[in-house]
N, C-alpha and C. Protein backbone atom coordinates (compact mmCIF):
# COMPACT_ATOMS: atom_id res chain seq x y z
N MET A 1 86.20 98.02 63.52
CA MET A 1 85.59 97.10 64.55
C MET A 1 85.94 97.39 66.03
N ILE A 2 85.20 97.09 66.91
CA ILE A 2 85.44 97.34 68.38
C ILE A 2 86.07 96.21 69.08
N HIS A 3 87.12 96.51 69.55
CA HIS A 3 87.84 95.44 70.24
C HIS A 3 87.37 95.30 71.76
N TYR A 4 86.52 94.40 72.00
CA TYR A 4 85.82 94.12 73.15
C TYR A 4 86.92 93.74 74.34
N ALA A 5 87.98 93.12 73.96
CA ALA A 5 88.82 92.67 74.84
C ALA A 5 89.67 94.07 75.31
N LEU A 6 89.76 95.02 74.54
CA LEU A 6 90.58 96.24 74.85
C LEU A 6 89.72 97.01 75.56
N ILE A 7 88.54 97.04 75.41
CA ILE A 7 87.52 97.78 76.19
C ILE A 7 87.34 97.28 77.73
N ASN A 8 87.32 95.74 77.72
CA ASN A 8 87.05 95.10 78.80
C ASN A 8 88.43 95.50 79.64
N GLY A 9 89.57 95.44 79.16
CA GLY A 9 90.72 95.66 79.87
C GLY A 9 90.84 97.03 80.41
N LEU A 10 90.41 98.06 79.80
CA LEU A 10 90.30 99.49 80.28
C LEU A 10 89.44 99.58 81.43
N ILE A 11 88.13 98.97 81.24
CA ILE A 11 87.15 98.91 82.21
C ILE A 11 87.75 98.24 83.65
N ILE A 12 88.46 97.19 83.44
CA ILE A 12 88.78 96.51 84.70
C ILE A 12 90.03 97.43 85.32
N THR A 13 91.05 97.99 84.42
CA THR A 13 91.78 98.73 84.91
C THR A 13 91.28 99.98 85.65
N ALA A 14 90.41 100.65 85.03
CA ALA A 14 89.69 101.87 85.65
C ALA A 14 88.99 101.53 87.08
N VAL A 15 88.49 100.26 87.20
CA VAL A 15 87.55 99.92 88.32
C VAL A 15 88.69 99.48 89.51
N VAL A 16 89.69 98.84 89.16
CA VAL A 16 90.70 98.49 90.11
C VAL A 16 91.59 99.64 90.43
N THR A 17 91.79 100.65 89.59
CA THR A 17 92.54 101.88 89.88
C THR A 17 91.52 102.63 91.01
N LEU A 18 90.26 102.67 90.78
CA LEU A 18 89.47 103.46 91.70
C LEU A 18 89.47 102.86 93.08
N LEU A 19 89.32 101.34 93.00
CA LEU A 19 89.36 100.68 94.44
C LEU A 19 90.46 100.75 95.11
N THR A 20 91.71 100.63 94.38
CA THR A 20 93.05 100.87 94.93
C THR A 20 93.18 102.19 95.62
N HIS A 21 92.89 103.15 94.87
CA HIS A 21 92.97 104.55 95.28
C HIS A 21 91.98 104.67 96.60
N GLY A 22 90.92 104.13 96.51
CA GLY A 22 90.03 104.27 97.80
C GLY A 22 90.64 103.66 98.93
N ILE A 23 91.14 102.52 98.70
CA ILE A 23 91.85 101.79 99.93
C ILE A 23 92.99 102.50 100.46
N ILE A 24 93.77 103.09 99.58
CA ILE A 24 95.12 103.79 99.90
C ILE A 24 94.64 105.05 100.66
N THR A 25 93.60 105.93 100.20
CA THR A 25 93.11 106.98 100.82
C THR A 25 92.59 106.73 102.12
N PHE A 26 91.95 105.41 102.45
CA PHE A 26 91.34 105.02 103.57
C PHE A 26 92.66 104.80 104.60
N PHE A 27 93.63 104.09 104.18
CA PHE A 27 94.59 103.87 105.01
C PHE A 27 95.37 105.27 105.41
N GLU A 28 95.43 106.15 104.62
CA GLU A 28 96.01 107.31 104.94
C GLU A 28 95.16 108.07 106.07
N LYS A 29 93.79 108.15 105.85
CA LYS A 29 93.00 108.78 106.76
C LYS A 29 92.99 108.18 108.13
N SER A 30 92.78 106.94 108.16
CA SER A 30 92.86 106.07 109.41
C SER A 30 94.10 105.95 110.21
N GLY A 31 95.32 106.20 109.62
CA GLY A 31 96.50 106.20 110.16
C GLY A 31 97.26 104.92 109.80
N VAL A 32 96.94 104.03 109.14
CA VAL A 32 97.33 102.66 108.99
C VAL A 32 98.72 102.92 108.31
N LEU A 33 98.95 103.72 107.48
CA LEU A 33 100.01 104.09 106.69
C LEU A 33 101.27 104.41 107.68
N GLU A 34 100.90 105.37 108.27
CA GLU A 34 101.88 105.93 109.44
C GLU A 34 102.26 104.78 110.38
N TRP A 35 101.16 104.09 110.95
CA TRP A 35 101.45 103.02 112.07
C TRP A 35 102.40 101.93 111.31
N MET A 36 102.11 101.53 110.06
CA MET A 36 102.88 100.43 109.51
C MET A 36 104.40 100.89 109.13
N GLN A 37 104.36 102.09 108.63
CA GLN A 37 105.80 102.66 108.39
C GLN A 37 106.64 102.74 109.68
N GLY A 38 106.04 103.07 110.98
CA GLY A 38 106.78 103.18 112.12
C GLY A 38 106.93 101.79 112.95
N ASN A 39 105.81 100.85 112.89
CA ASN A 39 105.91 99.67 113.74
C ASN A 39 106.05 98.37 112.79
N GLY A 40 106.07 98.44 111.46
CA GLY A 40 105.97 97.31 110.77
C GLY A 40 107.47 96.80 110.73
N ASN A 41 107.78 95.58 110.37
CA ASN A 41 109.15 95.04 110.01
C ASN A 41 109.63 95.58 108.87
N LYS A 42 110.85 95.35 108.34
CA LYS A 42 111.60 96.09 107.21
C LYS A 42 110.77 96.04 105.91
N PHE A 43 110.23 94.83 105.54
CA PHE A 43 109.49 94.81 104.34
C PHE A 43 108.29 95.57 104.26
N PHE A 44 107.28 95.52 105.39
CA PHE A 44 106.15 96.21 105.51
C PHE A 44 106.38 97.79 105.60
N SER A 45 107.47 98.16 106.24
CA SER A 45 107.85 99.47 106.38
C SER A 45 108.14 100.16 105.16
N LYS A 46 108.89 99.52 104.43
CA LYS A 46 109.45 100.11 103.06
C LYS A 46 108.08 99.92 102.05
N MET A 47 107.56 99.03 102.16
CA MET A 47 106.18 98.78 101.27
C MET A 47 105.26 99.84 101.41
N PHE A 48 104.99 100.27 102.65
CA PHE A 48 103.96 101.23 103.02
C PHE A 48 104.54 102.69 102.86
N SER A 49 105.73 102.92 102.62
CA SER A 49 106.18 104.03 102.36
C SER A 49 106.33 104.37 100.85
N CYS A 50 106.15 103.35 99.79
CA CYS A 50 106.19 103.43 98.47
C CYS A 50 104.94 103.44 97.89
N TYR A 51 104.24 104.23 97.43
CA TYR A 51 102.82 104.25 96.80
C TYR A 51 102.88 103.24 95.63
N PHE A 52 103.92 103.34 94.83
CA PHE A 52 103.82 102.35 93.73
C PHE A 52 103.80 100.82 94.23
N CYS A 53 104.57 100.52 95.04
CA CYS A 53 104.66 99.21 95.70
C CYS A 53 103.42 98.84 96.27
N LEU A 54 102.73 99.77 97.22
CA LEU A 54 101.65 99.63 97.92
C LEU A 54 100.43 99.34 96.87
N SER A 55 100.47 100.35 95.96
CA SER A 55 99.32 100.03 94.95
C SER A 55 99.24 99.04 94.05
N HIS A 56 100.56 98.33 93.86
CA HIS A 56 100.83 97.19 93.02
C HIS A 56 100.25 96.05 93.78
N HIS A 57 100.68 95.82 95.06
CA HIS A 57 100.28 94.70 95.89
C HIS A 57 98.53 94.77 96.10
N ILE A 58 98.27 95.98 96.60
CA ILE A 58 96.75 96.03 96.60
C ILE A 58 95.97 95.57 95.38
N ALA A 59 96.38 96.14 94.26
CA ALA A 59 95.64 95.71 92.95
C ALA A 59 95.83 94.33 92.79
N LEU A 60 97.18 93.68 92.92
CA LEU A 60 97.22 92.25 92.62
C LEU A 60 96.32 91.45 93.62
N ILE A 61 96.11 91.79 94.91
CA ILE A 61 95.04 91.27 95.88
C ILE A 61 93.58 91.34 95.18
N ILE A 62 93.33 92.51 94.45
CA ILE A 62 92.02 92.73 94.06
C ILE A 62 91.82 91.96 92.92
N VAL A 63 92.78 91.59 91.79
CA VAL A 63 92.77 91.05 90.51
C VAL A 63 92.81 89.52 90.74
N ILE A 64 93.44 88.88 91.58
CA ILE A 64 93.54 87.73 91.77
C ILE A 64 92.29 86.67 91.73
N PRO A 65 91.20 87.15 92.67
CA PRO A 65 90.00 86.38 92.57
C PRO A 65 89.31 86.53 91.03
N SER A 66 89.35 87.70 90.54
CA SER A 66 89.05 87.93 88.95
C SER A 66 89.63 86.87 88.14
N LEU A 67 90.99 86.92 88.43
CA LEU A 67 92.04 86.01 87.66
C LEU A 67 91.54 84.52 87.79
N CYS A 68 91.22 84.01 88.93
CA CYS A 68 90.91 82.61 89.04
C CYS A 68 89.54 82.35 88.58
N ILE A 69 88.61 83.29 88.52
CA ILE A 69 87.11 83.10 87.85
C ILE A 69 87.27 83.13 86.48
N ASN A 70 87.81 84.11 85.84
CA ASN A 70 87.79 84.35 84.37
C ASN A 70 88.94 83.54 83.68
N GLN A 71 90.02 83.32 84.26
CA GLN A 71 91.15 82.63 83.70
C GLN A 71 91.68 83.33 82.57
N ASN A 72 91.73 84.66 82.63
CA ASN A 72 92.24 85.52 81.53
C ASN A 72 93.53 86.15 81.99
N TRP A 73 94.64 85.67 81.81
CA TRP A 73 95.83 85.69 82.26
C TRP A 73 96.64 87.01 81.71
N ILE A 74 95.89 87.79 80.87
CA ILE A 74 96.20 89.30 80.63
C ILE A 74 96.02 90.05 81.97
N GLU A 75 95.20 89.57 82.72
CA GLU A 75 94.74 90.52 83.87
C GLU A 75 95.77 90.74 84.87
N LEU A 76 96.92 89.89 84.51
CA LEU A 76 98.04 90.01 85.44
C LEU A 76 98.78 91.26 85.33
N PHE A 77 98.50 91.85 84.14
CA PHE A 77 99.11 93.24 83.75
C PHE A 77 98.43 94.39 84.30
N VAL A 78 97.21 94.18 84.77
CA VAL A 78 96.55 95.24 85.29
C VAL A 78 97.24 95.88 86.57
N PRO A 79 97.65 95.11 87.64
CA PRO A 79 98.24 95.91 88.66
C PRO A 79 99.65 96.70 88.47
N LEU A 80 100.31 96.23 87.25
CA LEU A 80 101.29 97.19 86.85
C LEU A 80 100.82 98.62 86.36
N SER A 81 99.80 98.36 85.61
CA SER A 81 99.30 99.78 85.07
C SER A 81 98.65 100.32 86.12
N VAL A 82 98.06 99.99 87.11
CA VAL A 82 97.19 100.64 88.26
C VAL A 82 98.43 101.42 89.12
N ALA A 83 99.43 100.76 89.28
CA ALA A 83 100.58 101.06 90.10
C ALA A 83 101.02 102.31 89.34
N GLY A 84 101.25 102.33 88.10
CA GLY A 84 101.76 103.54 87.42
C GLY A 84 100.63 104.79 87.63
N ILE A 85 99.41 104.48 87.31
CA ILE A 85 98.34 105.40 87.48
C ILE A 85 98.50 106.02 88.79
N ILE A 86 98.43 105.20 89.79
CA ILE A 86 98.28 105.71 91.05
C ILE A 86 99.56 106.57 91.60
N ASN A 87 100.66 106.22 91.03
CA ASN A 87 101.88 106.86 91.28
C ASN A 87 101.77 108.27 90.51
N LEU A 88 101.20 108.33 89.53
CA LEU A 88 101.01 109.86 88.85
C LEU A 88 99.99 110.72 89.59
N ILE A 89 98.98 109.93 90.41
CA ILE A 89 98.09 110.73 90.86
C ILE A 89 98.66 111.18 92.35
N LYS A 90 99.30 110.51 92.91
CA LYS A 90 99.96 110.70 94.39
C LYS A 90 101.02 111.60 94.33
C-alpha cells in the first residue's frame, strides 16, 4: 500500500526546502545577510550567520499558514528537516 501521508510529507518538505533555499540565495545575492550580520542586534546577527537557524526560521514562516489551513500538526517537523537539508547543501 502507498502511504499517502508519507508521500505528502516528502512533497511538502521538498517544496519548502526549495523555497527556503531560494530565499537564502536571494538574501546572499542582495547583501541582506552581510548587512544583518553587521548591523543587526545580537539575536539577528547570530541568526543570519547560522544557516541552520536561518533556514529553520524561514521554513517555519513558510509552514505556519499551511499548518493553520490544514491543521496537520505533523507539519511542525518540516522546518527541522528542511534546516538539516539546507545545512548539508550550504
